[in-house]
Protein backbone atom coordinates (compact mmCIF):
# COMPACT_ATOMS: atom_id res chain seq x y z
CA MET A 1 24.62 -5.14 20.18
CA ILE A 2 22.17 -3.46 17.80
CA ALA A 3 23.97 -4.90 14.79
CA LYS A 4 23.17 -8.39 16.06
CA LEU A 5 19.49 -7.52 16.45
CA MET A 6 19.15 -5.73 13.11
CA ASP A 7 20.83 -7.93 10.55
CA GLU A 8 19.93 -8.09 6.85
CA ARG A 9 17.08 -10.54 7.38
CA ALA A 10 15.37 -8.29 9.93
CA ILE A 11 15.56 -5.33 7.54
CA LEU A 12 14.19 -7.41 4.65
CA HIS A 13 11.35 -8.66 6.85
CA ARG A 14 10.56 -5.08 7.81
CA TYR A 15 10.43 -4.03 4.16
CA LYS A 16 8.19 -6.95 3.24
CA SER A 17 5.84 -6.41 6.17
CA THR A 18 5.57 -2.70 5.39
CA SER A 19 4.75 -3.49 1.77
CA HIS A 20 2.14 -6.07 2.74
CA ALA A 21 0.60 -3.65 5.24
CA GLY A 22 0.33 -0.98 2.55
CA VAL A 23 -1.36 -3.37 0.14
CA ALA A 24 -3.75 -4.57 2.86
CA CYS A 25 -4.73 -0.99 3.71
CA ALA A 26 -5.25 -0.18 0.04
CA LEU A 27 -7.50 -3.21 -0.36
CA MET A 28 -9.52 -2.15 2.68
CA VAL A 29 -10.01 1.33 1.21
CA VAL A 30 -11.05 -0.12 -2.16
CA GLY A 31 -13.38 -2.59 -0.43
CA THR A 32 -14.97 0.19 1.63
CA PHE A 33 -15.35 2.31 -1.48
CA ALA A 34 -16.96 -0.59 -3.38
CA TYR A 35 -19.35 -1.27 -0.48
CA GLN A 36 -20.36 2.38 -0.26
CA TYR A 37 -20.79 2.72 -4.03
CA TYR A 38 -22.42 -0.60 -4.95
CA GLY A 39 -24.11 -1.41 -1.66
CA LYS A 40 -25.43 1.98 -0.61
CA GLY A 41 -25.23 3.90 -3.87
CA VAL A 42 -23.01 6.61 -2.36
CA PHE A 43 -19.96 7.82 -4.28
CA ARG A 44 -17.32 8.70 -1.68
CA ILE A 45 -14.77 10.95 -3.36
CA ASP A 46 -12.42 10.78 -0.37
CA LEU A 47 -12.13 7.00 -0.61
CA ALA A 48 -11.74 7.18 -4.39
CA VAL A 49 -8.91 9.71 -4.06
CA ILE A 50 -7.11 7.59 -1.42
CA ALA A 51 -7.41 4.46 -3.59
CA LEU A 52 -6.18 6.31 -6.68
CA ALA A 53 -3.30 7.94 -4.82
CA THR A 54 -2.24 4.57 -3.37
CA ALA A 55 -2.22 3.01 -6.83
CA VAL A 56 -0.25 5.89 -8.35
CA ILE A 57 2.33 5.83 -5.55
CA LYS A 58 2.72 2.04 -5.71
CA VAL A 59 3.18 2.02 -9.49
CA GLY A 60 5.44 5.07 -9.28
CA PHE A 61 7.78 3.35 -6.85
CA LEU A 62 7.65 0.15 -8.88
CA LEU A 63 8.81 2.05 -11.97
CA TRP A 64 11.35 4.05 -9.98
CA TYR A 65 13.05 0.95 -8.61
CA ARG A 66 12.75 -0.88 -11.95
CA PHE A 67 14.63 1.79 -13.86
CA ARG A 68 17.07 2.77 -11.09
CA ASP A 69 18.42 -0.75 -10.42
């Protein structure tokens, strides 16, 4: 029963949607950081750290999968 509901396409769609959600959240953090910095003149270290960590994790996984496959 579950095998019929969770075939390969459903798993691939889940992976893609999770990836797109992560990118969308990262763009929102970067956008909020840019608004705070350029619009209000406030440097928010917490937003900068989240944006940097997201970029490092994304590139890290990209390299991991590139060299492991």
